[in-house]
Amino acid sequence: MVPESNMPAYPWLQENALGTSDIQAKMRALKAMGHPYSDEEINNAPAELEGKTEMDAMIAYLQSLGRSMKAQ
């Protein structure tokens, strides 16, 4: 964080735990649409998310931007 930033704080992201009840169904739907999730990744997803917060998910998403694009 920098003082010059105009981005607001999102303190609830650190407080809210990730829901795991529907993650496998969502991953199966994405796999059906062409995402390369393996069956092992889908089966292990609830355990991988255990103890993670919405902030953890946001950081992981931001770090992934640009890495999943194919080089052209």
Protein backbone atom coordinates (compact mmCIF):
# COMPACT_ATOMS: atom_id res chain seq x y z
CA MET A 1 0.00 0.00 0.00
CA VAL A 2 1.11 3.48 -0.76
CA PRO A 3 -0.33 6.74 0.63
CA GLU A 4 -0.83 8.11 -2.91
CA SER A 5 -3.21 5.29 -3.85
CA ASN A 6 -6.85 6.22 -4.31
CA MET A 7 -7.96 2.60 -4.06
CA PRO A 8 -10.24 2.07 -1.08
CA ALA A 9 -9.52 -0.45 1.62
CA TYR A 10 -11.46 -3.71 1.55
CA PRO A 11 -11.03 -4.97 5.13
CA TRP A 12 -13.82 -7.52 4.90
CA LEU A 13 -11.89 -9.50 2.30
CA GLN A 14 -9.42 -10.51 5.01
CA GLU A 15 -12.26 -11.44 7.37
CA ASN A 16 -14.43 -13.53 5.03
CA ALA A 17 -13.49 -17.17 4.63
CA LEU A 18 -13.82 -18.71 1.19
CA GLY A 19 -16.83 -20.92 0.67
CA THR A 20 -15.95 -24.43 -0.41
CA SER A 21 -19.38 -26.05 -0.69
CA ASP A 22 -19.82 -25.41 -4.42
CA ILE A 23 -16.24 -25.11 -5.68
CA GLN A 24 -16.16 -28.58 -7.24
CA ALA A 25 -19.40 -27.96 -9.18
CA LYS A 26 -18.02 -24.64 -10.45
CA MET A 27 -14.75 -26.27 -11.51
CA ARG A 28 -16.60 -29.09 -13.30
CA ALA A 29 -18.65 -26.50 -15.20
CA LEU A 30 -15.49 -24.64 -16.21
CA LYS A 31 -13.87 -27.92 -17.25
CA ALA A 32 -16.88 -28.66 -19.47
CA MET A 33 -16.29 -25.26 -21.11
CA GLY A 34 -12.67 -26.09 -21.87
CA HIS A 35 -10.62 -25.13 -18.80
CA PRO A 36 -7.89 -27.72 -18.28
CA TYR A 37 -8.74 -28.67 -14.67
CA SER A 38 -7.74 -32.24 -13.87
CA ASP A 39 -10.00 -34.54 -11.87
CA GLU A 40 -7.36 -34.51 -9.13
CA GLU A 41 -7.45 -30.70 -8.93
CA ILE A 42 -11.23 -30.75 -8.69
CA ASN A 43 -11.22 -33.44 -5.99
CA ASN A 44 -8.58 -31.59 -3.94
CA ALA A 45 -10.11 -28.10 -4.30
CA PRO A 46 -12.02 -27.94 -0.98
CA ALA A 47 -8.90 -28.93 0.96
CA GLU A 48 -6.78 -26.41 -0.98
CA LEU A 49 -9.19 -23.60 -0.04
CA GLU A 50 -9.45 -24.55 3.62
CA GLY A 51 -8.38 -21.63 5.81
CA LYS A 52 -8.14 -19.20 2.89
CA THR A 53 -9.86 -15.80 2.83
CA GLU A 54 -11.37 -13.72 0.05
CA MET A 55 -8.20 -11.59 0.23
CA ASP A 56 -6.06 -14.66 -0.47
CA ALA A 57 -8.24 -15.40 -3.51
CA MET A 58 -7.99 -11.81 -4.76
CA ILE A 59 -4.20 -11.82 -4.47
CA ALA A 60 -3.95 -15.17 -6.27
CA TYR A 61 -6.17 -13.85 -9.06
CA LEU A 62 -4.15 -10.64 -9.47
CA GLN A 63 -0.90 -12.60 -9.52
CA SER A 64 -2.26 -14.86 -12.26
CA LEU A 65 -3.17 -12.03 -14.62
CA GLY A 66 -1.05 -12.18 -17.71
CA ARG A 67 0.47 -15.57 -16.90
CA SER A 68 -2.35 -17.60 -18.39
CA MET A 69 -2.17 -15.83 -21.76
CA LYS A 70 -0.51 -17.64 -24.63
CA ALA A 71 2.53 -15.86 -26.08
CA GLN A 72 1.78 -14.39 -29.48
